[in-house]
């Protein structure tokens, strides 16, 4: 079975393009992993996911506390707040 020259060139071009894309993706991943390590101390994606979950929980708790404090404030100062 023979492959004509045009088909060969097309396949070769696609392979080269895919290699370039792969190299760019690998470089981007390396940069992101370095940034995760530098900024957040995460060595792996697993560490980053764990940290993200922890931060989400902390944010949810902070929001809950804020809403509770706001409710108490509005209740305590309702007479003054209603006058406005």
N, C-alpha and C. Protein backbone atom coordinates (compact mmCIF):
# COMPACT_ATOMS: atom_id res chain seq x y z
N UNK A 1 0.85 -1.17 0.00
CA UNK A 1 0.00 0.00 0.00
C UNK A 1 0.89 1.24 0.00
N UNK A 2 0.63 2.14 -0.88
CA UNK A 2 1.44 3.35 -0.94
C UNK A 2 0.59 4.55 -0.55
N UNK A 3 1.25 5.48 0.11
CA UNK A 3 0.59 6.73 0.50
C UNK A 3 1.10 7.79 -0.45
N UNK A 4 0.18 8.52 -1.04
CA UNK A 4 0.65 9.56 -1.95
C UNK A 4 1.33 10.69 -1.18
N UNK A 5 2.14 11.44 -1.86
CA UNK A 5 2.95 12.50 -1.25
C UNK A 5 2.09 13.56 -0.57
N UNK A 6 0.97 13.91 -1.16
CA UNK A 6 0.09 14.92 -0.59
C UNK A 6 -0.47 14.47 0.76
N UNK A 7 -0.89 13.21 0.83
CA UNK A 7 -1.42 12.66 2.08
C UNK A 7 -0.32 12.62 3.14
N UNK A 8 0.88 12.22 2.73
CA UNK A 8 2.01 12.18 3.65
C UNK A 8 2.30 13.57 4.21
N UNK A 9 2.34 14.59 3.35
CA UNK A 9 2.63 15.96 3.79
C UNK A 9 1.55 16.45 4.75
N UNK A 10 0.31 16.11 4.46
CA UNK A 10 -0.80 16.50 5.33
C UNK A 10 -0.65 15.87 6.72
N UNK A 11 -0.36 14.59 6.76
CA UNK A 11 -0.17 13.90 8.04
C UNK A 11 1.02 14.47 8.79
N UNK A 12 2.10 14.71 8.09
CA UNK A 12 3.30 15.26 8.70
C UNK A 12 3.02 16.64 9.29
N UNK A 13 2.28 17.45 8.55
CA UNK A 13 1.93 18.79 9.02
C UNK A 13 1.07 18.71 10.28
N UNK A 14 0.10 17.80 10.29
CA UNK A 14 -0.75 17.63 11.47
C UNK A 14 0.04 17.18 12.68
N UNK A 15 0.95 16.25 12.48
CA UNK A 15 1.79 15.76 13.58
C UNK A 15 2.64 16.91 14.15
N UNK A 16 3.24 17.70 13.29
CA UNK A 16 4.07 18.83 13.75
C UNK A 16 3.22 19.85 14.51
N UNK A 17 2.02 20.13 14.01
CA UNK A 17 1.13 21.08 14.69
C UNK A 17 0.74 20.55 16.06
N UNK A 18 0.40 19.28 16.13
CA UNK A 18 0.01 18.68 17.40
C UNK A 18 1.17 18.65 18.40
N UNK A 19 2.39 18.44 17.90
CA UNK A 19 3.56 18.48 18.79
C UNK A 19 3.76 19.87 19.36
N UNK A 20 3.59 20.90 18.52
CA UNK A 20 3.73 22.29 19.00
C UNK A 20 2.68 22.60 20.06
N UNK A 21 1.45 22.18 19.79
CA UNK A 21 0.38 22.40 20.77
C UNK A 21 0.66 21.68 22.07
N UNK A 22 1.16 20.47 21.97
CA UNK A 22 1.51 19.69 23.15
C UNK A 22 2.62 20.37 23.94
N UNK A 23 3.64 20.87 23.24
CA UNK A 23 4.74 21.57 23.90
C UNK A 23 4.25 22.82 24.62
N UNK A 24 3.35 23.58 23.96
CA UNK A 24 2.79 24.78 24.59
C UNK A 24 1.99 24.42 25.83
N UNK A 25 1.18 23.38 25.73
CA UNK A 25 0.37 22.95 26.87
C UNK A 25 1.26 22.49 28.03
N UNK A 26 2.31 21.78 27.71
CA UNK A 26 3.23 21.31 28.73
C UNK A 26 3.93 22.49 29.42
N UNK A 27 4.33 23.48 28.63
CA UNK A 27 4.96 24.67 29.20
C UNK A 27 4.00 25.44 30.09
N UNK A 28 2.75 25.56 29.65
CA UNK A 28 1.74 26.26 30.45
C UNK A 28 1.51 25.51 31.76
N UNK A 29 1.44 24.20 31.70
CA UNK A 29 1.24 23.39 32.90
C UNK A 29 2.40 23.59 33.87
N UNK A 30 3.62 23.58 33.35
CA UNK A 30 4.79 23.78 34.21
C UNK A 30 4.74 25.15 34.89
N UNK A 31 4.33 26.17 34.14
CA UNK A 31 4.22 27.51 34.73
C UNK A 31 3.16 27.55 35.82
N UNK A 32 2.01 26.94 35.55
CA UNK A 32 0.94 26.93 36.55
C UNK A 32 1.33 26.15 37.80
N UNK A 33 2.02 25.03 37.60
CA UNK A 33 2.46 24.25 38.76
C UNK A 33 3.49 25.04 39.58
N UNK A 34 4.37 25.75 38.91
CA UNK A 34 5.36 26.58 39.62
C UNK A 34 4.64 27.68 40.39
N UNK A 35 3.62 28.26 39.79
CA UNK A 35 2.85 29.33 40.47
C UNK A 35 2.10 28.77 41.68
N UNK A 36 1.50 27.59 41.53
CA UNK A 36 0.82 26.95 42.67
C UNK A 36 1.79 26.72 43.82
N UNK A 37 2.99 26.26 43.48
CA UNK A 37 3.98 25.98 44.51
C UNK A 37 4.45 27.28 45.17
N UNK A 38 4.73 28.29 44.35
CA UNK A 38 5.25 29.55 44.87
C UNK A 38 4.21 30.32 45.69
N UNK A 39 3.01 30.45 45.17
CA UNK A 39 2.00 31.28 45.81
C UNK A 39 1.22 30.57 46.92
N UNK A 40 1.04 29.26 46.77
CA UNK A 40 0.18 28.55 47.72
C UNK A 40 0.84 27.37 48.40
N UNK A 41 2.08 27.07 48.04
CA UNK A 41 2.79 25.96 48.66
C UNK A 41 2.29 24.58 48.24
N UNK A 42 1.58 24.50 47.13
CA UNK A 42 1.03 23.22 46.65
C UNK A 42 2.01 22.57 45.67
N UNK A 43 2.36 21.32 45.96
CA UNK A 43 3.29 20.61 45.08
C UNK A 43 2.56 19.80 44.02
N UNK A 44 1.30 19.46 44.28
CA UNK A 44 0.54 18.65 43.34
C UNK A 44 -0.86 19.24 43.15
N UNK A 45 -1.54 18.77 42.12
CA UNK A 45 -2.92 19.21 41.90
C UNK A 45 -3.81 18.74 43.04
N UNK A 46 -3.48 17.61 43.60
CA UNK A 46 -4.23 17.09 44.73
C UNK A 46 -4.13 18.05 45.92
N UNK A 47 -2.92 18.55 46.18
CA UNK A 47 -2.73 19.53 47.25
C UNK A 47 -3.55 20.79 46.97
N UNK A 48 -3.55 21.22 45.72
CA UNK A 48 -4.28 22.43 45.33
C UNK A 48 -5.78 22.24 45.51
N UNK A 49 -6.29 21.07 45.13
CA UNK A 49 -7.72 20.80 45.31
C UNK A 49 -8.09 20.78 46.78
N UNK A 50 -7.23 20.19 47.59
CA UNK A 50 -7.47 20.13 49.03
C UNK A 50 -7.49 21.55 49.61
N UNK A 51 -6.54 22.37 49.21
CA UNK A 51 -6.49 23.75 49.68
C UNK A 51 -7.72 24.52 49.22
N UNK A 52 -8.12 24.32 47.97
CA UNK A 52 -9.31 25.00 47.44
C UNK A 52 -10.54 24.64 48.27
N UNK A 53 -10.68 23.38 48.60
CA UNK A 53 -11.81 22.94 49.43
C UNK A 53 -11.78 23.59 50.80
N UNK A 54 -10.59 23.65 51.39
CA UNK A 54 -10.43 24.27 52.70
C UNK A 54 -10.80 25.76 52.63
N UNK A 55 -10.32 26.45 51.60
CA UNK A 55 -10.62 27.87 51.46
C UNK A 55 -12.11 28.11 51.19
N UNK A 56 -12.74 27.23 50.43
CA UNK A 56 -14.18 27.35 50.20
C UNK A 56 -14.95 27.19 51.51
N UNK A 57 -14.53 26.23 52.33
CA UNK A 57 -15.18 26.04 53.63
C UNK A 57 -15.00 27.26 54.53
N UNK A 58 -13.79 27.82 54.52
CA UNK A 58 -13.52 29.01 55.32
C UNK A 58 -14.37 30.19 54.83
N UNK A 59 -14.50 30.34 53.52
CA UNK A 59 -15.31 31.43 52.97
C UNK A 59 -16.78 31.25 53.35
N UNK A 60 -17.27 30.01 53.29
CA UNK A 60 -18.66 29.75 53.66
C UNK A 60 -18.88 30.06 55.13
N UNK A 61 -17.94 29.69 55.97
CA UNK A 61 -18.06 29.97 57.41
C UNK A 61 -18.00 31.47 57.67
N UNK A 62 -17.13 32.18 56.99
CA UNK A 62 -17.04 33.63 57.16
C UNK A 62 -18.34 34.30 56.71
N UNK A 63 -18.92 33.83 55.62
CA UNK A 63 -20.19 34.38 55.14
C UNK A 63 -21.29 34.13 56.16
N UNK A 64 -21.32 32.92 56.71
CA UNK A 64 -22.32 32.58 57.72
C UNK A 64 -22.19 33.49 58.94
N UNK A 65 -20.96 33.68 59.41
CA UNK A 65 -20.73 34.54 60.57
C UNK A 65 -21.12 35.99 60.27
N UNK A 66 -20.76 36.46 59.08
CA UNK A 66 -21.11 37.82 58.70
C UNK A 66 -22.63 38.00 58.71
N UNK A 67 -23.35 37.08 58.09
CA UNK A 67 -24.80 37.19 58.04
C UNK A 67 -25.43 37.17 59.43
N UNK A 68 -24.87 36.33 60.31
CA UNK A 68 -25.36 36.27 61.69
C UNK A 68 -25.13 37.60 62.39
N UNK A 69 -23.92 38.14 62.27
CA UNK A 69 -23.59 39.42 62.91
C UNK A 69 -24.44 40.56 62.32
N UNK A 70 -24.65 40.54 61.03
CA UNK A 70 -25.48 41.57 60.39
C UNK A 70 -26.90 41.51 60.91
N UNK A 71 -27.43 40.32 61.02
CA UNK A 71 -28.78 40.14 61.55
C UNK A 71 -28.89 40.68 62.97
N UNK A 72 -27.89 40.35 63.80
CA UNK A 72 -27.89 40.84 65.18
C UNK A 72 -27.78 42.36 65.21
N UNK A 73 -26.94 42.93 64.37
CA UNK A 73 -26.78 44.39 64.30
C UNK A 73 -28.10 45.04 63.91
N UNK A 74 -28.73 44.53 62.85
CA UNK A 74 -29.99 45.11 62.39
C UNK A 74 -31.08 45.00 63.45
N UNK A 75 -31.06 43.89 64.18
CA UNK A 75 -32.04 43.71 65.25
C UNK A 75 -31.79 44.70 66.38
N UNK A 76 -30.55 44.84 66.77
CA UNK A 76 -30.20 45.74 67.88
C UNK A 76 -30.46 47.20 67.51
N UNK A 77 -30.21 47.58 66.28
CA UNK A 77 -30.32 48.96 65.87
C UNK A 77 -31.54 49.21 64.97
N UNK A 78 -32.51 48.35 65.03
CA UNK A 78 -33.65 48.45 64.14
C UNK A 78 -34.39 49.79 64.27
N UNK A 79 -34.51 50.30 65.48
CA UNK A 79 -35.22 51.58 65.67
C UNK A 79 -34.50 52.71 64.97
N UNK A 80 -33.20 52.75 65.08
CA UNK A 80 -32.42 53.81 64.43
C UNK A 80 -32.42 53.61 62.92
N UNK A 81 -32.29 52.40 62.48
CA UNK A 81 -32.24 52.12 61.05
C UNK A 81 -33.57 52.40 60.37
N UNK A 82 -34.67 52.19 61.06
CA UNK A 82 -36.00 52.42 60.47
C UNK A 82 -36.30 53.89 60.30
N UNK A 83 -35.67 54.76 61.06
CA UNK A 83 -35.91 56.21 61.00
C UNK A 83 -35.37 56.79 59.71
N UNK A 84 -34.43 56.17 59.11
CA UNK A 84 -33.81 56.73 57.89
C UNK A 84 -34.65 56.57 56.69
